[in-house]
Amino acid sequence: MRLSLTAALFIVNLALVANGRAQSGSANPYAAKCQMCHGATGLGDTPAGKAMGARAFNSPDVIKESDADLLAVIKNGKGKMPAFAGKLTDGEMNVLIAYIRKLQ
């Protein structure tokens, strides 16, 4: 009985990990969609970021934005930033918000 319970828990954990990867995409959505402008560190200091006026994620105006505000920017775009609604899943957008918060 103990072995089957352990095996069942392992399978459930494996399924949750696989589901998390499916929601966030196996590729890093930040690297695929954001890094070209916002840079690896989120400072917006890439040539494309400088040309487009990408905001640094550690700037006070970005830090004070709520997760809902960030989600709206990702979905609808802002300024020269394109909209990603229909290009990214809700799960990928939530992964991006969490990553932006880590870069702050």
N, C-alpha and C. Protein backbone atom coordinates (compact mmCIF):
# COMPACT_ATOMS: atom_id res chain seq x y z
N MET A 1 0.82 -1.19 0.00
CA MET A 1 0.00 0.00 0.00
C MET A 1 0.87 1.26 0.00
N ARG A 2 1.93 1.25 0.78
CA ARG A 2 2.80 2.42 0.87
C ARG A 2 3.46 2.71 -0.47
N LEU A 3 3.88 1.67 -1.17
CA LEU A 3 4.52 1.86 -2.46
C LEU A 3 3.53 2.43 -3.47
N SER A 4 2.31 1.96 -3.48
CA SER A 4 1.35 2.46 -4.46
C SER A 4 0.98 3.92 -4.16
N LEU A 5 0.92 4.29 -2.90
CA LEU A 5 0.64 5.68 -2.53
C LEU A 5 1.79 6.58 -2.97
N THR A 6 3.01 6.13 -2.76
CA THR A 6 4.18 6.88 -3.18
C THR A 6 4.20 7.02 -4.70
N ALA A 7 3.89 5.95 -5.40
CA ALA A 7 3.86 5.98 -6.85
C ALA A 7 2.77 6.93 -7.34
N ALA A 8 1.62 6.90 -6.69
CA ALA A 8 0.52 7.79 -7.08
C ALA A 8 0.90 9.25 -6.87
N LEU A 9 1.53 9.55 -5.75
CA LEU A 9 1.97 10.92 -5.49
C LEU A 9 3.01 11.37 -6.51
N PHE A 10 3.90 10.47 -6.87
CA PHE A 10 4.91 10.79 -7.88
C PHE A 10 4.25 11.12 -9.21
N ILE A 11 3.27 10.33 -9.61
CA ILE A 11 2.58 10.56 -10.88
C ILE A 11 1.82 11.89 -10.86
N VAL A 12 1.15 12.19 -9.75
CA VAL A 12 0.44 13.46 -9.63
C VAL A 12 1.42 14.62 -9.72
N ASN A 13 2.55 14.52 -9.02
CA ASN A 13 3.56 15.57 -9.06
C ASN A 13 4.10 15.74 -10.48
N LEU A 14 4.36 14.66 -11.15
CA LEU A 14 4.86 14.69 -12.52
C LEU A 14 3.84 15.38 -13.43
N ALA A 15 2.57 15.07 -13.25
CA ALA A 15 1.52 15.69 -14.06
C ALA A 15 1.45 17.19 -13.80
N LEU A 16 1.58 17.59 -12.54
CA LEU A 16 1.55 19.02 -12.22
C LEU A 16 2.72 19.76 -12.84
N VAL A 17 3.89 19.17 -12.80
CA VAL A 17 5.07 19.78 -13.41
C VAL A 17 4.88 19.90 -14.91
N ALA A 18 4.38 18.84 -15.53
CA ALA A 18 4.15 18.87 -16.98
C ALA A 18 3.10 19.91 -17.33
N ASN A 19 2.05 20.03 -16.53
CA ASN A 19 1.02 21.03 -16.78
C ASN A 19 1.58 22.43 -16.64
N GLY A 20 2.42 22.66 -15.65
CA GLY A 20 3.05 23.96 -15.48
C GLY A 20 3.91 24.33 -16.67
N ARG A 21 4.62 23.35 -17.21
CA ARG A 21 5.43 23.61 -18.40
C ARG A 21 4.56 23.90 -19.59
N ALA A 22 3.45 23.20 -19.71
CA ALA A 22 2.55 23.43 -20.84
C ALA A 22 1.94 24.83 -20.76
N GLN A 23 1.60 25.28 -19.56
CA GLN A 23 1.01 26.60 -19.41
C GLN A 23 2.03 27.69 -19.67
N SER A 24 3.25 27.49 -19.23
CA SER A 24 4.24 28.54 -19.39
C SER A 24 5.01 28.39 -20.70
N GLY A 25 4.75 27.32 -21.41
CA GLY A 25 5.47 27.04 -22.64
C GLY A 25 6.81 26.44 -22.30
N SER A 26 7.26 25.51 -23.12
CA SER A 26 8.54 24.89 -22.81
C SER A 26 9.67 25.87 -23.04
N ALA A 27 9.48 26.81 -23.95
CA ALA A 27 10.47 27.87 -24.14
C ALA A 27 10.14 29.01 -23.18
N ASN A 28 11.14 29.75 -22.83
CA ASN A 28 10.97 30.88 -21.92
C ASN A 28 10.23 32.00 -22.66
N PRO A 29 9.01 32.35 -22.24
CA PRO A 29 8.28 33.41 -22.95
C PRO A 29 8.98 34.76 -22.86
N TYR A 30 9.70 35.02 -21.78
CA TYR A 30 10.42 36.29 -21.66
C TYR A 30 11.51 36.36 -22.73
N ALA A 31 12.29 35.29 -22.86
CA ALA A 31 13.36 35.28 -23.85
C ALA A 31 12.80 35.40 -25.26
N ALA A 32 11.65 34.77 -25.48
CA ALA A 32 11.08 34.76 -26.82
C ALA A 32 10.41 36.08 -27.21
N LYS A 33 9.77 36.74 -26.26
CA LYS A 33 8.95 37.90 -26.61
C LYS A 33 9.43 39.23 -26.04
N CYS A 34 10.20 39.23 -24.97
CA CYS A 34 10.48 40.47 -24.25
C CYS A 34 11.95 40.87 -24.23
N GLN A 35 12.82 39.90 -24.19
CA GLN A 35 14.23 40.16 -23.96
C GLN A 35 14.87 41.02 -25.04
N MET A 36 14.38 40.94 -26.26
CA MET A 36 14.98 41.72 -27.34
C MET A 36 14.95 43.22 -27.02
N CYS A 37 13.88 43.67 -26.40
CA CYS A 37 13.76 45.09 -26.06
C CYS A 37 14.11 45.38 -24.60
N HIS A 38 13.56 44.57 -23.69
CA HIS A 38 13.74 44.85 -22.26
C HIS A 38 15.07 44.33 -21.72
N GLY A 39 15.76 43.49 -22.47
CA GLY A 39 17.07 42.99 -22.07
C GLY A 39 16.99 41.86 -21.06
N ALA A 40 18.11 41.18 -20.88
CA ALA A 40 18.17 40.03 -19.97
C ALA A 40 17.92 40.43 -18.52
N THR A 41 18.25 41.67 -18.19
CA THR A 41 18.09 42.13 -16.81
C THR A 41 16.85 42.99 -16.61
N GLY A 42 16.10 43.25 -17.69
CA GLY A 42 14.89 44.04 -17.58
C GLY A 42 15.12 45.54 -17.52
N LEU A 43 16.29 45.99 -17.91
CA LEU A 43 16.61 47.42 -17.83
C LEU A 43 16.25 48.19 -19.10
N GLY A 44 15.85 47.48 -20.15
CA GLY A 44 15.49 48.16 -21.40
C GLY A 44 16.67 48.78 -22.09
N ASP A 45 17.86 48.24 -21.82
CA ASP A 45 19.09 48.86 -22.31
C ASP A 45 19.65 48.22 -23.58
N THR A 46 18.83 47.47 -24.28
CA THR A 46 19.28 46.89 -25.55
C THR A 46 19.13 47.96 -26.64
N PRO A 47 19.79 47.77 -27.78
CA PRO A 47 19.60 48.74 -28.86
C PRO A 47 18.12 48.90 -29.25
N ALA A 48 17.41 47.78 -29.36
CA ALA A 48 15.98 47.85 -29.70
C ALA A 48 15.19 48.53 -28.58
N GLY A 49 15.54 48.21 -27.34
CA GLY A 49 14.85 48.82 -26.20
C GLY A 49 15.06 50.32 -26.14
N LYS A 50 16.28 50.75 -26.40
CA LYS A 50 16.57 52.19 -26.40
C LYS A 50 15.80 52.89 -27.53
N ALA A 51 15.77 52.26 -28.70
CA ALA A 51 15.07 52.85 -29.84
C ALA A 51 13.56 52.92 -29.61
N MET A 52 13.02 51.94 -28.89
CA MET A 52 11.57 51.87 -28.67
C MET A 52 11.14 52.55 -27.37
N GLY A 53 12.09 52.95 -26.54
CA GLY A 53 11.74 53.57 -25.26
C GLY A 53 11.21 52.57 -24.24
N ALA A 54 11.77 51.35 -24.27
CA ALA A 54 11.33 50.31 -23.32
C ALA A 54 11.61 50.76 -21.89
N ARG A 55 10.65 50.56 -21.03
CA ARG A 55 10.81 50.96 -19.62
C ARG A 55 11.60 49.91 -18.86
N ALA A 56 12.44 50.36 -17.96
CA ALA A 56 13.17 49.46 -17.06
C ALA A 56 12.19 48.94 -16.02
N PHE A 57 12.23 47.65 -15.77
CA PHE A 57 11.29 47.05 -14.83
C PHE A 57 11.55 47.48 -13.39
N ASN A 58 12.75 47.99 -13.11
CA ASN A 58 13.04 48.44 -11.74
C ASN A 58 12.76 49.93 -11.54
N SER A 59 12.16 50.56 -12.53
CA SER A 59 11.81 51.97 -12.37
C SER A 59 10.60 52.09 -11.44
N PRO A 60 10.54 53.18 -10.68
CA PRO A 60 9.44 53.34 -9.71
C PRO A 60 8.05 53.23 -10.33
N ASP A 61 7.87 53.76 -11.55
CA ASP A 61 6.55 53.70 -12.16
C ASP A 61 6.13 52.28 -12.53
N VAL A 62 7.08 51.43 -12.86
CA VAL A 62 6.75 50.03 -13.15
C VAL A 62 6.56 49.25 -11.85
N ILE A 63 7.39 49.50 -10.87
CA ILE A 63 7.27 48.80 -9.59
C ILE A 63 5.91 49.04 -8.95
N LYS A 64 5.39 50.26 -9.05
CA LYS A 64 4.12 50.57 -8.40
C LYS A 64 2.91 50.00 -9.14
N GLU A 65 3.09 49.55 -10.38
CA GLU A 65 1.97 48.98 -11.13
C GLU A 65 1.55 47.65 -10.52
N SER A 66 0.25 47.43 -10.48
CA SER A 66 -0.28 46.16 -9.98
C SER A 66 -0.06 45.07 -11.03
N ASP A 67 -0.22 43.83 -10.61
CA ASP A 67 -0.13 42.73 -11.57
C ASP A 67 -1.19 42.88 -12.65
N ALA A 68 -2.37 43.36 -12.28
CA ALA A 68 -3.43 43.59 -13.27
C ALA A 68 -3.01 44.65 -14.29
N ASP A 69 -2.31 45.68 -13.83
CA ASP A 69 -1.81 46.72 -14.74
C ASP A 69 -0.80 46.13 -15.71
N LEU A 70 0.12 45.33 -15.18
CA LEU A 70 1.13 44.70 -16.04
C LEU A 70 0.47 43.75 -17.05
N LEU A 71 -0.53 43.01 -16.59
CA LEU A 71 -1.25 42.11 -17.49
C LEU A 71 -1.92 42.89 -18.62
N ALA A 72 -2.50 44.02 -18.29
CA ALA A 72 -3.15 44.85 -19.32
C ALA A 72 -2.13 45.34 -20.34
N VAL A 73 -0.94 45.71 -19.89
CA VAL A 73 0.10 46.16 -20.82
C VAL A 73 0.54 45.02 -21.71
N ILE A 74 0.74 43.84 -21.13
CA ILE A 74 1.16 42.68 -21.92
C ILE A 74 0.08 42.32 -22.95
N LYS A 75 -1.16 42.30 -22.51
CA LYS A 75 -2.26 41.93 -23.42
C LYS A 75 -2.50 42.96 -24.51
N ASN A 76 -2.54 44.24 -24.13
CA ASN A 76 -2.99 45.29 -25.04
C ASN A 76 -1.87 46.12 -25.65
N GLY A 77 -0.64 45.96 -25.13
CA GLY A 77 0.46 46.79 -25.59
C GLY A 77 0.38 48.17 -24.96
N LYS A 78 1.45 48.93 -25.15
CA LYS A 78 1.48 50.30 -24.63
C LYS A 78 2.60 51.04 -25.34
N GLY A 79 2.28 52.23 -25.84
CA GLY A 79 3.29 52.96 -26.60
C GLY A 79 3.70 52.16 -27.81
N LYS A 80 4.99 51.92 -27.95
CA LYS A 80 5.49 51.15 -29.08
C LYS A 80 5.52 49.64 -28.82
N MET A 81 5.16 49.23 -27.59
CA MET A 81 5.15 47.80 -27.27
C MET A 81 3.91 47.16 -27.90
N PRO A 82 4.11 46.07 -28.62
CA PRO A 82 2.95 45.42 -29.26
C PRO A 82 2.08 44.67 -28.24
N ALA A 83 0.85 44.41 -28.63
CA ALA A 83 -0.07 43.62 -27.81
C ALA A 83 0.26 42.14 -28.00
N PHE A 84 0.17 41.37 -26.93
CA PHE A 84 0.43 39.94 -27.00
C PHE A 84 -0.80 39.09 -26.76
N ALA A 85 -1.98 39.71 -26.68
CA ALA A 85 -3.22 38.95 -26.59
C ALA A 85 -3.34 38.10 -27.85
N GLY A 86 -3.62 36.82 -27.67
CA GLY A 86 -3.72 35.91 -28.81
C GLY A 86 -2.38 35.34 -29.24
N LYS A 87 -1.28 35.92 -28.75
CA LYS A 87 0.06 35.41 -29.08
C LYS A 87 0.66 34.66 -27.91
N LEU A 88 0.22 35.00 -26.70
CA LEU A 88 0.65 34.33 -25.48
C LEU A 88 -0.59 33.84 -24.74
N THR A 89 -0.45 32.72 -24.05
CA THR A 89 -1.56 32.22 -23.24
C THR A 89 -1.62 33.01 -21.93
N ASP A 90 -2.74 32.88 -21.23
CA ASP A 90 -2.85 33.51 -19.92
C ASP A 90 -1.75 33.00 -18.99
N GLY A 91 -1.46 31.71 -19.06
CA GLY A 91 -0.40 31.13 -18.24
C GLY A 91 0.96 31.74 -18.54
N GLU A 92 1.25 31.93 -19.81
CA GLU A 92 2.52 32.56 -20.19
C GLU A 92 2.59 34.00 -19.71
N MET A 93 1.48 34.72 -19.80
CA MET A 93 1.46 36.11 -19.33
C MET A 93 1.67 36.18 -17.82
N ASN A 94 1.10 35.24 -17.08
CA ASN A 94 1.31 35.20 -15.63
C ASN A 94 2.75 34.86 -15.29
N VAL A 95 3.37 33.99 -16.09
CA VAL A 95 4.79 33.67 -15.91
C VAL A 95 5.62 34.93 -16.15
N LEU A 96 5.26 35.70 -17.15
CA LEU A 96 5.98 36.95 -17.44
C LEU A 96 5.87 37.93 -16.28
N ILE A 97 4.69 38.08 -15.73
CA ILE A 97 4.51 39.01 -14.61
C ILE A 97 5.37 38.58 -13.43
N ALA A 98 5.37 37.29 -13.12
CA ALA A 98 6.20 36.79 -12.02
C ALA A 98 7.68 37.04 -12.30
N TYR A 99 8.10 36.87 -13.54
CA TYR A 99 9.49 37.09 -13.89
C TYR A 99 9.85 38.58 -13.81
N ILE A 100 8.96 39.43 -14.27
CA ILE A 100 9.18 40.88 -14.17
C ILE A 100 9.37 41.27 -12.70
N ARG A 101 8.55 40.70 -11.84
CA ARG A 101 8.67 41.00 -10.39
C ARG A 101 10.02 40.54 -9.86
N LYS A 102 10.54 39.42 -10.35
CA LYS A 102 11.87 38.96 -9.91
C LYS A 102 12.97 39.89 -10.39
N LEU A 103 12.80 40.43 -11.59
CA LEU A 103 13.82 41.34 -12.13
C LEU A 103 13.83 42.69 -11.41
N GLN A 104 12.74 43.02 -10.75
CA GLN A 104 12.68 44.30 -10.05
C GLN A 104 13.61 44.29 -8.86
